[in-house]
Amino acid sequence: MKAVTARRYGPADSLRIEELPRPEPGPGEILIRIRAASVTTADWRLRAAAFPGGLALIGRLVAGLWRPRHLVPGSDVAGEVVMLGAGVTGFAVGQRVLAVLGHGGHAEYGLAKATGAVVPLPEGMGFDEAAALPFGGLTALEFLRDVASLRAGQEVLILGASGGVGAYAVQIAAALGARVTAVAGPGREGLLRGLGAVGVLDHRKDEVAGRFDLVFDTVGAMRWPESRGLLGKQGLFLPLNFGLWDLGHLLRAKLTGGPRMVLHVSRESRAGLQTLLELWRAGKLRPVIDSRFALDEIAAAHRLVETRHRAGAVVLEIGA
C-alpha cells in the first residue's frame, strides 16, 4: 500500500511516500480502506517536534526521543471496513466508518480498535466531510461542553475562530446557546457569521472589548494576564495551547481569586464522535474544509497547516 512515512523529525519535505505492507487486523481490530484523512496541527507538531512552551523534552519522550515513534502519521480518517479481526462485532465488511486511529492514518489502509473511537457514517456524509470533523470537533466539544460547562446565554470570545478547532468551536458554542464573538484574520466574517457568530473581529485591526463568560483561545494568541480584563468575576480563560509558564499563571489565578483559568488536554472517544454526528444530522454542525490534497501532496498539506492561516480542515483524498 502507499503510505506517508516520517522517518525523522524535520520540515514538511522530510515526509516521503513509500510502499509498505498492508496491515492485518489482530483480535479486536478493524482494517479500514482509507478514503480521506485530515492533516492537523497535531500532525505538524509531531512531524517537526514543534512542541510548544518549553515542552520539547516531554513531547519527545512521548512522541519519540530521536525520531517519530510511529512511522506512518495521521489519525482522523474515513473509509470502508475491509476486514474484521477475531472477536469483532457490531461492524461489517463494506461499512462506511469514521475513525480516530491515533497513528497510521495517512495511508491507503489503517487499523482501528473496534471498541475505540470508530462509528458508522450516516447517509449523505462524504468521506472528506467526515475526516474533517474529529480533530476540531472533538476538541471544541470537550473544551466547551465538558470543561467550560458552557450554558445558553453566556458570552464567549473565540480566538482563532476560523482555524481547524475554531471553526467547530463557533458552531458548538452556538449550538449550546451561547453568544459568540469570533476573532480571526481578514476576510472571514461571512464564514463565521454563517457558522453562528454574532460578532466578528479582525485580529489585525479590531480591538477586543467587552466582558465575557469564557475566552477560548484556540491558537495561543492570548496569555492569562491579558484575558483578565475581558472576563467577568466568574469568567474562565481556556487556552488550547499552553506551555510551562502557564503553570505559573494557573497558580496565580487560583491564589488571586476572580476569573479562572483551566489547562486541559482533550481526548478522542466514540461517544464524542456520535455527538458530532448527531449535531450534523440536526443541522447544527457542518464540516469546514479549507483545502484538499492528494496523498502525494502531503508536504504541501503540511506547509499549509503550519502557516496557521487556514479556514477549517485540510483533507487528504486517498484513492477513488
C-alpha atoms as a PDB file:
ATOM      1  CA  MET A   1       0.000   0.000   0.000  1.00  0.00           C
ATOM      2  CA  LYS A   2       1.027   3.625  -0.417  1.00  0.00           C
ATOM      3  CA  ALA A   3       1.713   5.441   2.841  1.00  0.00           C
ATOM      4  CA  VAL A   4       3.239   8.659   4.114  1.00  0.00           C
ATOM      5  CA  THR A   5       6.318   7.990   6.232  1.00  0.00           C
ATOM      6  CA  ALA A   6       8.100  10.159   8.792  1.00  0.00           C
ATOM      7  CA  ARG A   7      11.476   8.557   9.453  1.00  0.00           C
ATOM      8  CA  ARG A   8      12.953  11.609  11.155  1.00  0.00           C
ATOM      9  CA  TYR A   9      11.898  14.924  12.655  1.00  0.00           C
ATOM     10  CA  GLY A  10      12.171  17.725  10.162  1.00  0.00           C
ATOM     11  CA  PRO A  11      10.448  20.059   7.698  1.00  0.00           C
ATOM     12  CA  ALA A  12       7.467  19.096   5.566  1.00  0.00           C
ATOM     13  CA  ASP A  13       9.752  17.904   2.770  1.00  0.00           C
ATOM     14  CA  SER A  14      11.166  15.221   5.065  1.00  0.00           C
ATOM     15  CA  LEU A  15       7.922  13.262   4.605  1.00  0.00           C
ATOM     16  CA  ARG A  16       8.012  10.513   1.980  1.00  0.00           C
ATOM     17  CA  ILE A  17       5.552   8.324   0.093  1.00  0.00           C
ATOM     18  CA  GLU A  18       6.561   4.673   0.368  1.00  0.00           C
ATOM     19  CA  GLU A  19       5.170   1.242  -0.451  1.00  0.00           C
ATOM     20  CA  LEU A  20       4.539  -0.615   2.805  1.00  0.00           C
ATOM     21  CA  PRO A  21       2.856  -3.946   3.576  1.00  0.00           C
ATOM     22  CA  ARG A  22      -0.853  -3.686   4.189  1.00  0.00           C
ATOM     23  CA  PRO A  23      -1.538  -4.126   7.914  1.00  0.00           C
ATOM     24  CA  GLU A  24      -3.502  -7.150   9.077  1.00  0.00           C
ATOM     25  CA  PRO A  25      -6.128  -6.771  11.800  1.00  0.00           C
ATOM     26  CA  GLY A  26      -5.430  -8.526  15.065  1.00  0.00           C
ATOM     27  CA  PRO A  27      -8.042  -9.549  17.625  1.00  0.00           C
ATOM     28  CA  GLY A  28     -10.457  -6.708  18.255  1.00  0.00           C
ATOM     29  CA  GLU A  29      -9.227  -4.633  15.294  1.00  0.00           C
ATOM     30  CA  ILE A  30     -10.816  -3.362  12.089  1.00  0.00           C
ATOM     31  CA  LEU A  31      -8.943  -2.861   8.822  1.00  0.00           C
ATOM     32  CA  ILE A  32     -10.168   0.268   7.020  1.00  0.00           C
ATOM     33  CA  ARG A  33      -9.625   1.197   3.382  1.00  0.00           C
ATOM     34  CA  ILE A  34      -8.973   4.878   3.949  1.00  0.00           C
ATOM     35  CA  ARG A  35     -10.661   7.266   1.527  1.00  0.00           C
ATOM     36  CA  ALA A  36      -9.953  10.566   3.284  1.00  0.00           C
ATOM     37  CA  ALA A  37      -7.840  11.739   6.204  1.00  0.00           C
ATOM     38  CA  SER A  38      -7.242  15.105   7.818  1.00  0.00           C
ATOM     39  CA  VAL A  39      -3.871  16.800   8.299  1.00  0.00           C
ATOM     40  CA  THR A  40      -3.981  18.546  11.669  1.00  0.00           C
ATOM     41  CA  THR A  41      -1.934  20.831  13.864  1.00  0.00           C
ATOM     42  CA  ALA A  42      -1.009  17.726  15.882  1.00  0.00           C
ATOM     43  CA  ASP A  43       0.384  16.079  12.717  1.00  0.00           C
ATOM     44  CA  TRP A  44       2.559  19.123  12.012  1.00  0.00           C
ATOM     45  CA  ARG A  45       3.860  19.347  15.596  1.00  0.00           C
ATOM     46  CA  LEU A  46       4.672  15.624  15.733  1.00  0.00           C
ATOM     47  CA  ARG A  47       6.449  15.722  12.359  1.00  0.00           C
ATOM     48  CA  ALA A  48       8.565  18.760  13.249  1.00  0.00           C
ATOM     49  CA  ALA A  49       8.951  18.112  17.002  1.00  0.00           C
ATOM     50  CA  ALA A  50       7.444  21.592  17.337  1.00  0.00           C
ATOM     51  CA  PHE A  51       6.152  21.191  20.874  1.00  0.00           C
ATOM     52  CA  PRO A  52       5.018  24.484  22.442  1.00  0.00           C
ATOM     53  CA  GLY A  53       6.072  26.384  25.502  1.00  0.00           C
ATOM     54  CA  GLY A  54       9.111  24.605  26.885  1.00  0.00           C
ATOM     55  CA  LEU A  55       7.584  21.150  26.395  1.00  0.00           C
ATOM     56  CA  ALA A  56      10.173  19.914  23.885  1.00  0.00           C
ATOM     57  CA  LEU A  57      11.684  17.227  26.124  1.00  0.00           C
ATOM     58  CA  ILE A  58       8.315  15.993  27.382  1.00  0.00           C
ATOM     59  CA  GLY A  59       6.999  15.974  23.829  1.00  0.00           C
ATOM     60  CA  ARG A  60       9.911  13.902  22.551  1.00  0.00           C
ATOM     61  CA  LEU A  61       9.642  11.449  25.433  1.00  0.00           C
ATOM     62  CA  VAL A  62       6.036  10.834  24.368  1.00  0.00           C
ATOM     63  CA  ALA A  63       6.405  11.059  20.579  1.00  0.00           C
ATOM     64  CA  GLY A  64       9.896   9.572  20.175  1.00  0.00           C
ATOM     65  CA  LEU A  65      13.196  10.854  21.534  1.00  0.00           C
ATOM     66  CA  TRP A  66      15.304  10.782  18.348  1.00  0.00           C
ATOM     67  CA  ARG A  67      12.708  10.199  15.645  1.00  0.00           C
ATOM     68  CA  PRO A  68       8.914   9.840  15.466  1.00  0.00           C
ATOM     69  CA  ARG A  69       7.741   6.785  17.372  1.00  0.00           C
ATOM     70  CA  HIS A  70       5.224   5.925  14.650  1.00  0.00           C
ATOM     71  CA  LEU A  71       6.421   5.535  11.062  1.00  0.00           C
ATOM     72  CA  VAL A  72       3.106   6.479   9.428  1.00  0.00           C
ATOM     73  CA  PRO A  73       1.474   9.665  10.752  1.00  0.00           C
ATOM     74  CA  GLY A  74      -2.170  10.670  10.632  1.00  0.00           C
ATOM     75  CA  SER A  75      -5.096   9.963  12.936  1.00  0.00           C
ATOM     76  CA  ASP A  76      -8.518  11.088  11.702  1.00  0.00           C
ATOM     77  CA  VAL A  77      -9.841   9.018   8.796  1.00  0.00           C
ATOM     78  CA  ALA A  78     -12.959   7.974   6.939  1.00  0.00           C
ATOM     79  CA  GLY A  79     -13.312   4.923   4.720  1.00  0.00           C
ATOM     80  CA  GLU A  80     -14.706   1.430   4.351  1.00  0.00           C
ATOM     81  CA  VAL A  81     -14.276  -1.657   6.512  1.00  0.00           C
ATOM     82  CA  VAL A  82     -12.427  -4.338   4.504  1.00  0.00           C
ATOM     83  CA  MET A  83     -11.568  -6.920   7.172  1.00  0.00           C
ATOM     84  CA  LEU A  84     -12.517  -7.745  10.757  1.00  0.00           C
ATOM     85  CA  GLY A  85     -10.165  -9.171  13.340  1.00  0.00           C
ATOM     86  CA  ALA A  86     -11.143 -12.020  15.620  1.00  0.00           C
ATOM     87  CA  GLY A  87     -13.898 -11.218  18.068  1.00  0.00           C
ATOM     88  CA  VAL A  88     -15.093  -8.023  16.387  1.00  0.00           C
ATOM     89  CA  THR A  89     -18.851  -7.455  16.463  1.00  0.00           C
ATOM     90  CA  GLY A  90     -21.017  -4.518  15.518  1.00  0.00           C
ATOM     91  CA  PHE A  91     -19.237  -3.794  12.215  1.00  0.00           C
ATOM     92  CA  ALA A  92     -19.469  -5.354   8.759  1.00  0.00           C
ATOM     93  CA  VAL A  93     -17.206  -5.560   5.731  1.00  0.00           C
ATOM     94  CA  GLY A  94     -18.132  -2.776   3.314  1.00  0.00           C
ATOM     95  CA  GLN A  95     -19.477  -0.496   6.042  1.00  0.00           C
ATOM     96  CA  ARG A  96     -18.573   3.201   5.803  1.00  0.00           C
ATOM     97  CA  VAL A  97     -16.942   4.450   9.006  1.00  0.00           C
ATOM     98  CA  LEU A  98     -15.302   7.438  10.660  1.00  0.00           C
ATOM     99  CA  ALA A  99     -12.398   6.681  12.998  1.00  0.00           C
ATOM    100  CA  VAL A 100      -9.640   8.214  15.096  1.00  0.00           C
ATOM    101  CA  LEU A 101      -6.690   5.831  14.766  1.00  0.00           C
ATOM    102  CA  GLY A 102      -4.021   7.630  16.773  1.00  0.00           C
ATOM    103  CA  HIS A 103      -1.457   6.963  14.031  1.00  0.00           C
ATOM    104  CA  GLY A 104      -1.199   5.275  10.646  1.00  0.00           C
ATOM    105  CA  GLY A 105      -3.960   7.281   9.002  1.00  0.00           C
ATOM    106  CA  HIS A 106      -2.023   8.847   6.126  1.00  0.00           C
ATOM    107  CA  ALA A 107      -2.055   5.648   4.103  1.00  0.00           C
ATOM    108  CA  GLU A 108      -4.330   3.577   1.906  1.00  0.00           C
ATOM    109  CA  TYR A 109      -5.170   1.232   4.795  1.00  0.00           C
ATOM    110  CA  GLY A 110      -5.239   1.646   8.561  1.00  0.00           C
ATOM    111  CA  LEU A 111      -6.190  -0.235  11.715  1.00  0.00           C
ATOM    112  CA  ALA A 112      -8.787   0.868  14.256  1.00  0.00           C
ATOM    113  CA  LYS A 113      -9.684  -0.697  17.589  1.00  0.00           C
ATOM    114  CA  ALA A 114     -13.281  -1.891  17.316  1.00  0.00           C
ATOM    115  CA  THR A 115     -14.016  -0.636  20.833  1.00  0.00           C
ATOM    116  CA  GLY A 116     -12.309   2.697  20.218  1.00  0.00           C
ATOM    117  CA  ALA A 117     -13.299   5.934  18.513  1.00  0.00           C
ATOM    118  CA  VAL A 118     -14.895   4.460  15.393  1.00  0.00           C
ATOM    119  CA  VAL A 119     -18.507   4.943  14.274  1.00  0.00           C
ATOM    120  CA  PRO A 120     -20.627   4.247  11.190  1.00  0.00           C
ATOM    121  CA  LEU A 121     -21.011   7.140   8.760  1.00  0.00           C
ATOM    122  CA  PRO A 122     -24.527   8.486   8.276  1.00  0.00           C
ATOM    123  CA  GLU A 123     -26.127   8.506   4.848  1.00  0.00           C
ATOM    124  CA  GLY A 124     -25.324  11.660   2.925  1.00  0.00           C
ATOM    125  CA  MET A 125     -21.985  12.427   4.573  1.00  0.00           C
ATOM    126  CA  GLY A 126     -18.964  12.232   2.280  1.00  0.00           C
ATOM    127  CA  PHE A 127     -15.626  10.768   3.298  1.00  0.00           C
ATOM    128  CA  ASP A 128     -13.868  14.135   3.096  1.00  0.00           C
ATOM    129  CA  GLU A 129     -16.529  15.813   5.252  1.00  0.00           C
ATOM    130  CA  ALA A 130     -16.258  13.052   7.828  1.00  0.00           C
ATOM    131  CA  ALA A 131     -12.460  13.171   8.022  1.00  0.00           C
ATOM    132  CA  ALA A 132     -12.637  16.931   8.586  1.00  0.00           C
ATOM    133  CA  LEU A 133     -14.677  16.542  11.787  1.00  0.00           C
ATOM    134  CA  PRO A 134     -12.791  14.729  14.577  1.00  0.00           C
ATOM    135  CA  PHE A 135      -9.747  16.885  15.412  1.00  0.00           C
ATOM    136  CA  GLY A 136     -11.516  20.216  15.611  1.00  0.00           C
ATOM    137  CA  GLY A 137     -14.944  18.905  16.517  1.00  0.00           C
ATOM    138  CA  LEU A 138     -13.935  16.634  19.389  1.00  0.00           C
ATOM    139  CA  THR A 139     -11.588  19.255  20.838  1.00  0.00           C
ATOM    140  CA  ALA A 140     -14.194  22.004  20.703  1.00  0.00           C
ATOM    141  CA  LEU A 141     -16.904  19.739  22.123  1.00  0.00           C
ATOM    142  CA  GLU A 142     -14.840  18.641  25.099  1.00  0.00           C
ATOM    143  CA  PHE A 143     -13.441  22.087  25.926  1.00  0.00           C
ATOM    144  CA  LEU A 144     -16.754  23.928  25.621  1.00  0.00           C
ATOM    145  CA  ARG A 145     -19.301  21.398  26.867  1.00  0.00           C
ATOM    146  CA  ASP A 146     -17.320  19.361  29.394  1.00  0.00           C
ATOM    147  CA  VAL A 147     -14.577  21.683  30.675  1.00  0.00           C
ATOM    148  CA  ALA A 148     -16.250  25.095  30.448  1.00  0.00           C
ATOM    149  CA  SER A 149     -19.799  23.751  31.062  1.00  0.00           C
ATOM    150  CA  LEU A 150     -20.985  26.364  28.589  1.00  0.00           C
ATOM    151  CA  ARG A 151     -24.625  27.390  29.021  1.00  0.00           C
ATOM    152  CA  ALA A 152     -27.233  29.145  26.935  1.00  0.00           C
ATOM    153  CA  GLY A 153     -26.992  32.920  27.052  1.00  0.00           C
ATOM    154  CA  GLN A 154     -23.328  33.093  28.037  1.00  0.00           C
ATOM    155  CA  GLU A 155     -20.941  35.384  26.180  1.00  0.00           C
ATOM    156  CA  VAL A 156     -17.999  33.596  24.538  1.00  0.00           C
ATOM    157  CA  LEU A 157     -14.912  35.005  22.859  1.00  0.00           C
ATOM    158  CA  ILE A 158     -13.201  32.555  20.492  1.00  0.00           C
ATOM    159  CA  LEU A 159      -9.694  33.378  19.266  1.00  0.00           C
ATOM    160  CA  GLY A 160      -8.517  31.717  16.057  1.00  0.00           C
ATOM    161  CA  ALA A 161     -12.176  31.222  15.193  1.00  0.00           C
ATOM    162  CA  SER A 162     -11.709  30.173  11.566  1.00  0.00           C
ATOM    163  CA  GLY A 163      -8.989  27.579  12.214  1.00  0.00           C
ATOM    164  CA  GLY A 164      -9.055  23.826  12.491  1.00  0.00           C
ATOM    165  CA  VAL A 165     -10.557  23.945  16.006  1.00  0.00           C
ATOM    166  CA  GLY A 166     -12.075  27.416  15.948  1.00  0.00           C
ATOM    167  CA  ALA A 167     -14.468  26.759  13.067  1.00  0.00           C
ATOM    168  CA  TYR A 168     -16.046  23.969  15.119  1.00  0.00           C
ATOM    169  CA  ALA A 169     -15.888  25.872  18.394  1.00  0.00           C
ATOM    170  CA  VAL A 170     -18.035  28.642  16.915  1.00  0.00           C
ATOM    171  CA  GLN A 171     -20.674  26.143  15.798  1.00  0.00           C
ATOM    172  CA  ILE A 172     -20.715  24.099  19.002  1.00  0.00           C
ATOM    173  CA  ALA A 173     -20.854  27.191  21.215  1.00  0.00           C
ATOM    174  CA  ALA A 174     -23.789  28.475  19.159  1.00  0.00           C
ATOM    175  CA  ALA A 175     -25.482  25.066  19.340  1.00  0.00           C
ATOM    176  CA  LEU A 176     -25.167  25.225  23.137  1.00  0.00           C
ATOM    177  CA  GLY A 177     -26.980  28.568  23.069  1.00  0.00           C
ATOM    178  CA  ALA A 178     -24.029  30.874  23.733  1.00  0.00           C
ATOM    179  CA  ARG A 179     -23.471  34.249  22.063  1.00  0.00           C
ATOM    180  CA  VAL A 180     -20.222  34.006  20.137  1.00  0.00           C
ATOM    181  CA  THR A 181     -17.768  36.773  19.325  1.00  0.00           C
ATOM    182  CA  ALA A 182     -15.240  35.366  16.857  1.00  0.00           C
ATOM    183  CA  VAL A 183     -11.722  36.711  16.287  1.00  0.00           C
ATOM    184  CA  ALA A 184      -9.950  35.695  13.076  1.00  0.00           C
ATOM    185  CA  GLY A 185      -7.983  37.002  10.132  1.00  0.00           C
ATOM    186  CA  PRO A 186      -9.310  39.294   7.407  1.00  0.00           C
ATOM    187  CA  GLY A 187     -11.961  38.046   5.021  1.00  0.00           C
ATOM    188  CA  ARG A 188     -13.536  35.572   7.450  1.00  0.00           C
ATOM    189  CA  GLU A 189     -16.656  37.474   8.504  1.00  0.00           C
ATOM    190  CA  GLY A 190     -19.057  35.799   6.065  1.00  0.00           C
ATOM    191  CA  LEU A 191     -17.830  32.321   7.019  1.00  0.00           C
ATOM    192  CA  LEU A 192     -18.004  32.946  10.757  1.00  0.00           C
ATOM    193  CA  ARG A 193     -21.419  34.564  10.771  1.00  0.00           C
ATOM    194  CA  GLY A 194     -22.630  31.617   8.726  1.00  0.00           C
ATOM    195  CA  LEU A 195     -21.279  29.305  11.435  1.00  0.00           C
ATOM    196  CA  GLY A 196     -23.190  31.133  14.165  1.00  0.00           C
ATOM    197  CA  ALA A 197     -21.043  34.023  15.395  1.00  0.00           C
ATOM    198  CA  VAL A 198     -22.975  37.166  16.366  1.00  0.00           C
ATOM    199  CA  GLY A 199     -19.852  39.329  16.283  1.00  0.00           C
ATOM    200  CA  VAL A 200     -16.673  39.005  14.182  1.00  0.00           C
ATOM    201  CA  LEU A 201     -13.389  40.845  14.758  1.00  0.00           C
ATOM    202  CA  ASP A 202     -10.330  41.068  12.508  1.00  0.00           C
ATOM    203  CA  HIS A 203      -7.340  40.375  14.753  1.00  0.00           C
ATOM    204  CA  ARG A 204      -5.149  42.660  12.644  1.00  0.00           C
ATOM    205  CA  LYS A 205      -7.145  45.842  13.171  1.00  0.00           C
ATOM    206  CA  ASP A 206     -10.027  45.392  15.622  1.00  0.00           C
ATOM    207  CA  GLU A 207      -9.653  45.788  19.384  1.00  0.00           C
ATOM    208  CA  VAL A 208     -11.327  43.214  21.586  1.00  0.00           C
ATOM    209  CA  ALA A 209     -13.539  44.818  24.211  1.00  0.00           C
ATOM    210  CA  GLY A 210     -16.378  43.795  26.473  1.00  0.00           C
ATOM    211  CA  ARG A 211     -16.989  41.253  29.234  1.00  0.00           C
ATOM    212  CA  PHE A 212     -17.129  37.544  28.519  1.00  0.00           C
ATOM    213  CA  ASP A 213     -18.019  34.449  30.493  1.00  0.00           C
ATOM    214  CA  LEU A 214     -15.463  32.443  28.523  1.00  0.00           C
ATOM    215  CA  VAL A 215     -12.374  33.240  26.473  1.00  0.00           C
ATOM    216  CA  PHE A 216     -11.429  30.168  24.415  1.00  0.00           C
ATOM    217  CA  ASP A 217      -8.033  30.673  22.752  1.00  0.00           C
ATOM    218  CA  THR A 218      -7.513  28.021  20.075  1.00  0.00           C
ATOM    219  CA  VAL A 219      -4.227  29.380  18.664  1.00  0.00           C
ATOM    220  CA  GLY A 220      -2.102  30.702  21.535  1.00  0.00           C
ATOM    221  CA  ALA A 221      -2.885  34.363  20.805  1.00  0.00           C
ATOM    222  CA  MET A 222      -3.504  35.443  24.406  1.00  0.00           C
ATOM    223  CA  ARG A 223      -1.972  34.929  27.828  1.00  0.00           C
ATOM    224  CA  TRP A 224      -3.735  34.793  31.182  1.00  0.00           C
ATOM    225  CA  PRO A 225      -2.883  38.388  32.252  1.00  0.00           C
ATOM    226  CA  GLU A 226      -4.460  39.777  29.052  1.00  0.00           C
ATOM    227  CA  SER A 227      -7.605  37.702  29.462  1.00  0.00           C
ATOM    228  CA  ARG A 228      -8.384  39.047  32.953  1.00  0.00           C
ATOM    229  CA  GLY A 229      -9.545  42.386  31.579  1.00  0.00           C
ATOM    230  CA  LEU A 230     -12.053  40.648  29.310  1.00  0.00           C
ATOM    231  CA  LEU A 231     -13.590  38.247  31.812  1.00  0.00           C
ATOM    232  CA  GLY A 232     -16.334  38.686  34.357  1.00  0.00           C
ATOM    233  CA  LYS A 233     -15.713  37.786  38.006  1.00  0.00           C
ATOM    234  CA  GLN A 234     -16.732  34.177  37.400  1.00  0.00           C
ATOM    235  CA  GLY A 235     -15.250  34.076  33.894  1.00  0.00           C
ATOM    236  CA  LEU A 236     -12.955  31.378  32.526  1.00  0.00           C
ATOM    237  CA  PHE A 237      -9.835  31.578  30.360  1.00  0.00           C
ATOM    238  CA  LEU A 238      -9.391  28.333  28.439  1.00  0.00           C
ATOM    239  CA  PRO A 239      -6.230  28.084  26.279  1.00  0.00           C
ATOM    240  CA  LEU A 240      -5.900  25.193  23.853  1.00  0.00           C
ATOM    241  CA  ASN A 241      -2.119  25.655  23.541  1.00  0.00           C
ATOM    242  CA  PHE A 242      -0.071  26.146  26.677  1.00  0.00           C
ATOM    243  CA  GLY A 243       3.479  25.868  27.960  1.00  0.00           C
ATOM    244  CA  LEU A 244       5.337  25.554  31.222  1.00  0.00           C
ATOM    245  CA  TRP A 245       4.950  29.261  32.015  1.00  0.00           C
ATOM    246  CA  ASP A 246       1.183  28.810  32.070  1.00  0.00           C
ATOM    247  CA  LEU A 247       1.539  26.670  35.200  1.00  0.00           C
ATOM    248  CA  GLY A 248       2.625  29.866  36.984  1.00  0.00           C
ATOM    249  CA  HIS A 249      -0.359  31.732  35.581  1.00  0.00           C
ATOM    250  CA  LEU A 250      -2.618  28.895  36.723  1.00  0.00           C
ATOM    251  CA  LEU A 251      -1.286  29.113  40.286  1.00  0.00           C
ATOM    252  CA  ARG A 252      -1.717  32.895  40.381  1.00  0.00           C
ATOM    253  CA  ALA A 253      -5.271  32.568  39.085  1.00  0.00           C
ATOM    254  CA  LYS A 254      -6.095  30.182  41.926  1.00  0.00           C
ATOM    255  CA  LEU A 255      -4.464  32.403  44.565  1.00  0.00           C
ATOM    256  CA  THR A 256      -5.876  35.759  43.476  1.00  0.00           C
ATOM    257  CA  GLY A 257      -9.498  34.717  43.020  1.00  0.00           C
ATOM    258  CA  GLY A 258     -11.796  36.208  40.420  1.00  0.00           C
ATOM    259  CA  PRO A 259     -11.631  34.924  36.820  1.00  0.00           C
ATOM    260  CA  ARG A 260     -10.436  31.347  36.478  1.00  0.00           C
ATOM    261  CA  MET A 261      -8.007  29.566  34.201  1.00  0.00           C
ATOM    262  CA  VAL A 262      -8.069  25.867  33.288  1.00  0.00           C
ATOM    263  CA  LEU A 263      -5.425  23.846  31.427  1.00  0.00           C
ATOM    264  CA  HIS A 264      -6.754  20.753  29.710  1.00  0.00           C
ATOM    265  CA  VAL A 265      -5.734  18.167  27.112  1.00  0.00           C
ATOM    266  CA  SER A 266      -8.582  16.669  25.078  1.00  0.00           C
ATOM    267  CA  ARG A 267      -9.120  13.002  24.247  1.00  0.00           C
ATOM    268  CA  GLU A 268     -10.965  11.194  21.482  1.00  0.00           C
ATOM    269  CA  SER A 269     -13.967   8.959  22.166  1.00  0.00           C
ATOM    270  CA  ARG A 270     -16.689   7.066  20.352  1.00  0.00           C
ATOM    271  CA  ALA A 271     -19.321   8.972  22.333  1.00  0.00           C
ATOM    272  CA  GLY A 272     -17.807  12.251  21.201  1.00  0.00           C
ATOM    273  CA  LEU A 273     -17.904  11.213  17.540  1.00  0.00           C
ATOM    274  CA  GLN A 274     -21.522  10.140  17.932  1.00  0.00           C
ATOM    275  CA  THR A 275     -22.398  13.542  19.395  1.00  0.00           C
ATOM    276  CA  LEU A 276     -20.736  15.318  16.467  1.00  0.00           C
ATOM    277  CA  LEU A 277     -22.731  13.231  14.002  1.00  0.00           C
ATOM    278  CA  GLU A 278     -25.954  13.942  15.921  1.00  0.00           C
ATOM    279  CA  LEU A 279     -25.247  17.671  15.640  1.00  0.00           C
ATOM    280  CA  TRP A 280     -24.596  17.202  11.914  1.00  0.00           C
ATOM    281  CA  ARG A 281     -27.903  15.377  11.443  1.00  0.00           C
ATOM    282  CA  ALA A 282     -29.682  18.180  13.314  1.00  0.00           C
ATOM    283  CA  GLY A 283     -28.139  20.805  11.017  1.00  0.00           C
ATOM    284  CA  LYS A 284     -26.198  22.408  13.885  1.00  0.00           C
ATOM    285  CA  LEU A 285     -22.697  21.402  12.752  1.00  0.00           C
ATOM    286  CA  ARG A 286     -21.142  21.258   9.319  1.00  0.00           C
ATOM    287  CA  PRO A 287     -17.643  20.231   8.299  1.00  0.00           C
ATOM    288  CA  VAL A 288     -15.469  23.153   7.229  1.00  0.00           C
ATOM    289  CA  ILE A 289     -12.765  22.280   4.702  1.00  0.00           C
ATOM    290  CA  ASP A 290     -10.104  24.766   3.648  1.00  0.00           C
ATOM    291  CA  SER A 291      -8.260  22.610   1.101  1.00  0.00           C
ATOM    292  CA  ARG A 292      -8.000  19.119  -0.316  1.00  0.00           C
ATOM    293  CA  PHE A 293      -4.767  17.384  -1.349  1.00  0.00           C
ATOM    294  CA  ALA A 294      -3.790  14.054  -2.862  1.00  0.00           C
ATOM    295  CA  LEU A 295      -1.671  11.701  -0.761  1.00  0.00           C
ATOM    296  CA  ASP A 296       1.486  12.526  -2.719  1.00  0.00           C
ATOM    297  CA  GLU A 297       0.916  16.230  -1.952  1.00  0.00           C
ATOM    298  CA  ILE A 298       1.400  15.609   1.759  1.00  0.00           C
ATOM    299  CA  ALA A 299       4.272  18.096   2.079  1.00  0.00           C
ATOM    300  CA  ALA A 300       2.131  20.901   0.637  1.00  0.00           C
ATOM    301  CA  ALA A 301      -0.687  19.973   3.022  1.00  0.00           C
ATOM    302  CA  HIS A 302       1.693  20.179   5.991  1.00  0.00           C
ATOM    303  CA  ARG A 303       3.062  23.530   4.843  1.00  0.00           C
ATOM    304  CA  LEU A 304      -0.463  24.938   4.704  1.00  0.00           C
ATOM    305  CA  VAL A 305      -1.295  23.673   8.194  1.00  0.00           C
ATOM    306  CA  GLU A 306       1.952  25.109   9.506  1.00  0.00           C
ATOM    307  CA  THR A 307       1.017  28.628   8.333  1.00  0.00           C
ATOM    308  CA  ARG A 308      -1.897  28.570  10.817  1.00  0.00           C
ATOM    309  CA  HIS A 309      -3.923  30.699   8.389  1.00  0.00           C
ATOM    310  CA  ARG A 310      -6.412  28.166   7.053  1.00  0.00           C
ATOM    311  CA  ALA A 311     -10.180  28.235   7.298  1.00  0.00           C
ATOM    312  CA  GLY A 312     -11.200  24.848   8.669  1.00  0.00           C
ATOM    313  CA  ALA A 313      -9.667  21.458   7.981  1.00  0.00           C
ATOM    314  CA  VAL A 314      -7.050  20.270   5.486  1.00  0.00           C
ATOM    315  CA  VAL A 315      -8.021  16.925   3.972  1.00  0.00           C
ATOM    316  CA  LEU A 316      -6.116  14.235   2.078  1.00  0.00           C
ATOM    317  CA  GLU A 317      -8.169  12.433  -0.559  1.00  0.00           C
ATOM    318  CA  ILE A 318      -6.811   8.892  -0.770  1.00  0.00           C
ATOM    319  CA  GLY A 319      -7.886   6.715  -3.684  1.00  0.00           C
ATOM    320  CA  ALA A 320     -11.054   6.730  -5.743  1.00  0.00           C
END
